[in-house]
Amino acid sequence: MVEQDGLDVLAAPDVNLRELAPLLDGARNDYGIIVVDLTAANAEQTEHVIGASEAVFIVSGADAASLAAVRARLSSLQAVQIEERSALLLQQEPDSLSASEAEETTGLPLCGYVDTDTQIRQLGRWLAANIAPAEALVQVA
């Protein structure tokens, strides 16, 4: 665990499924909010983390191709009922779709726009402040 920009960050890109559940359970005991970047995760890791999550923010570009990829990914995760507890965080681009087009394409509500990692961290801190002490935020990357 290392401190990075006021967050505790655990880099665990190669964690296997046997190690993942205890890792998440331990983080739950120590932190109010856990942010997991699943960009490079395999399908089993993704399903496990999302299945154990209360809320999922999907960060994506707002262009048609990126949002179509989100829709395809959601289809592959139907077993964990991700849509019921998910929302979009979009990065605006020159060819971005409108908010209503993004919601129609993905089937998810748009929560907001984030254009930088700093804005994502800001959102995490805001969420943490509303449920737990500000230091209770960990990012598993």
Protein backbone atom coordinates (compact mmCIF):
# COMPACT_ATOMS: atom_id res chain seq x y z
CA MET A 1 0.00 0.00 0.00
CA VAL A 2 1.38 3.41 -0.97
CA GLU A 3 -0.02 6.89 -0.43
CA GLN A 4 -0.70 8.76 -3.66
CA ASP A 5 -2.38 12.18 -3.78
CA GLY A 6 -3.99 11.60 -0.38
CA LEU A 7 -5.26 8.12 -1.26
CA ASP A 8 -4.00 4.73 -0.17
CA VAL A 9 -3.25 2.83 -3.39
CA LEU A 10 -2.73 -0.90 -3.60
CA ALA A 11 -1.35 -2.04 -6.95
CA ALA A 12 -2.54 -5.60 -7.41
CA PRO A 13 -2.81 -6.21 -11.16
CA ASP A 14 -1.94 -9.91 -11.04
CA VAL A 15 -4.09 -10.96 -8.09
CA ASN A 16 -5.79 -14.32 -8.63
CA LEU A 17 -9.35 -15.14 -7.57
CA ARG A 18 -8.25 -16.98 -4.40
CA GLU A 19 -6.44 -13.83 -3.26
CA LEU A 20 -9.06 -11.35 -4.44
CA ALA A 21 -11.85 -12.09 -1.95
CA PRO A 22 -9.62 -11.78 1.15
CA LEU A 23 -8.04 -8.64 -0.32
CA LEU A 24 -11.43 -6.99 -0.77
CA ASP A 25 -12.69 -8.17 2.64
CA GLY A 26 -9.62 -6.71 4.33
CA ALA A 27 -10.07 -3.41 2.50
CA ARG A 28 -13.75 -3.30 3.53
CA ASN A 29 -12.71 -3.57 7.17
CA ASP A 30 -10.28 -0.66 6.86
CA TYR A 31 -11.95 1.70 4.36
CA GLY A 32 -15.38 3.22 3.80
CA ILE A 33 -15.02 3.32 0.03
CA ILE A 34 -12.95 1.11 -2.25
CA VAL A 35 -12.30 2.19 -5.83
CA VAL A 36 -11.22 -0.61 -8.16
CA ASP A 37 -9.87 0.10 -11.63
CA LEU A 38 -10.97 -2.89 -13.71
CA THR A 39 -9.54 -1.65 -16.99
CA ALA A 40 -6.96 -4.45 -17.24
CA ALA A 41 -8.88 -7.07 -15.22
CA ASN A 42 -9.83 -10.38 -16.73
CA ALA A 43 -13.48 -11.49 -16.93
CA GLU A 44 -13.38 -13.55 -13.70
CA GLN A 45 -11.79 -10.73 -11.70
CA THR A 46 -14.30 -8.23 -13.10
CA GLU A 47 -17.30 -10.43 -12.30
CA HIS A 48 -16.07 -11.07 -8.77
CA VAL A 49 -15.42 -7.42 -7.95
CA ILE A 50 -18.67 -6.19 -9.50
CA GLY A 51 -20.63 -8.98 -7.84
CA ALA A 52 -19.34 -7.80 -4.46
CA SER A 53 -19.92 -4.08 -5.19
CA GLU A 54 -22.72 -1.89 -3.96
CA ALA A 55 -22.24 0.70 -6.72
CA VAL A 56 -20.35 0.76 -9.99
CA PHE A 57 -19.25 3.86 -11.89
CA ILE A 58 -18.28 3.08 -15.45
CA VAL A 59 -15.78 5.58 -16.81
CA SER A 60 -15.84 5.84 -20.59
CA GLY A 61 -15.28 8.14 -23.49
CA ALA A 62 -18.51 9.73 -24.70
CA ASP A 63 -18.02 8.83 -28.37
CA ALA A 64 -20.26 6.28 -30.09
CA ALA A 65 -17.59 3.55 -30.30
CA SER A 66 -16.67 3.76 -26.60
CA LEU A 67 -20.31 3.70 -25.52
CA ALA A 68 -21.06 0.74 -27.80
CA ALA A 69 -18.14 -1.08 -26.13
CA VAL A 70 -19.66 -0.29 -22.71
CA ARG A 71 -22.98 -1.76 -23.87
CA ALA A 72 -21.25 -4.92 -25.10
CA ARG A 73 -19.34 -5.26 -21.81
CA LEU A 74 -22.56 -4.84 -19.83
CA SER A 75 -24.17 -7.62 -21.85
CA SER A 76 -21.35 -9.97 -20.86
CA LEU A 77 -21.90 -9.10 -17.17
CA GLN A 78 -25.65 -9.75 -16.94
CA ALA A 79 -25.11 -12.56 -14.43
CA VAL A 80 -23.96 -10.04 -11.80
CA GLN A 81 -26.85 -7.62 -12.48
CA ILE A 82 -24.52 -4.68 -12.91
CA GLU A 83 -27.07 -2.36 -14.53
CA GLU A 84 -29.13 -2.10 -11.33
CA ARG A 85 -26.28 -0.41 -9.45
CA SER A 86 -24.31 1.34 -12.17
CA ALA A 87 -23.96 4.82 -13.61
CA LEU A 88 -21.80 6.45 -16.26
CA LEU A 89 -18.95 8.88 -15.76
CA LEU A 90 -18.03 10.20 -19.20
CA GLN A 91 -14.95 11.86 -20.59
CA GLN A 92 -15.97 14.46 -23.16
CA GLU A 93 -14.37 14.34 -26.57
CA PRO A 94 -14.84 16.33 -29.77
CA ASP A 95 -17.20 13.68 -31.19
CA SER A 96 -19.09 13.06 -27.93
CA LEU A 97 -22.69 11.95 -27.98
CA SER A 98 -25.22 13.91 -25.96
CA ALA A 99 -26.13 12.79 -22.45
CA SER A 100 -29.44 11.32 -23.62
CA GLU A 101 -27.71 9.48 -26.51
CA ALA A 102 -25.14 8.06 -24.08
CA GLU A 103 -27.89 6.84 -21.75
CA GLU A 104 -29.86 5.37 -24.65
CA THR A 105 -26.79 3.60 -26.06
CA THR A 106 -25.70 2.03 -22.76
CA GLY A 107 -28.96 1.73 -20.85
CA LEU A 108 -27.30 3.42 -17.86
CA PRO A 109 -27.97 6.80 -16.26
CA LEU A 110 -25.34 9.48 -16.70
CA CYS A 111 -23.90 10.53 -13.35
CA GLY A 112 -21.51 13.16 -14.64
CA TYR A 113 -18.55 14.13 -16.74
CA VAL A 114 -14.96 13.57 -15.64
CA ASP A 115 -12.09 14.60 -17.80
CA THR A 116 -9.14 13.94 -15.52
CA ASP A 117 -7.98 11.51 -12.86
CA THR A 118 -8.11 14.45 -10.46
CA GLN A 119 -11.85 14.81 -11.05
CA ILE A 120 -12.37 11.10 -10.42
CA ARG A 121 -10.43 11.39 -7.15
CA GLN A 122 -12.52 14.44 -6.25
CA LEU A 123 -15.69 12.40 -6.75
CA GLY A 124 -14.26 9.60 -4.60
CA ARG A 125 -13.42 12.05 -1.82
CA TRP A 126 -16.90 13.57 -1.99
CA LEU A 127 -18.49 10.13 -1.73
CA ALA A 128 -16.18 9.15 1.13
CA ALA A 129 -16.95 12.36 3.02
CA ASN A 130 -20.64 11.53 2.88
CA ILE A 131 -20.33 8.03 4.33
CA ALA A 132 -17.02 7.80 6.13
CA PRO A 133 -14.03 9.85 7.29
CA ALA A 134 -12.15 11.44 4.36
CA GLU A 135 -9.14 9.16 4.88
CA ALA A 136 -11.32 6.10 4.37
CA LEU A 137 -10.75 5.84 0.66
CA VAL A 138 -8.56 3.26 -1.01
CA GLN A 139 -7.94 2.73 -4.70
CA VAL A 140 -6.99 -0.74 -5.88
CA ALA A 141 -5.27 -0.32 -9.22
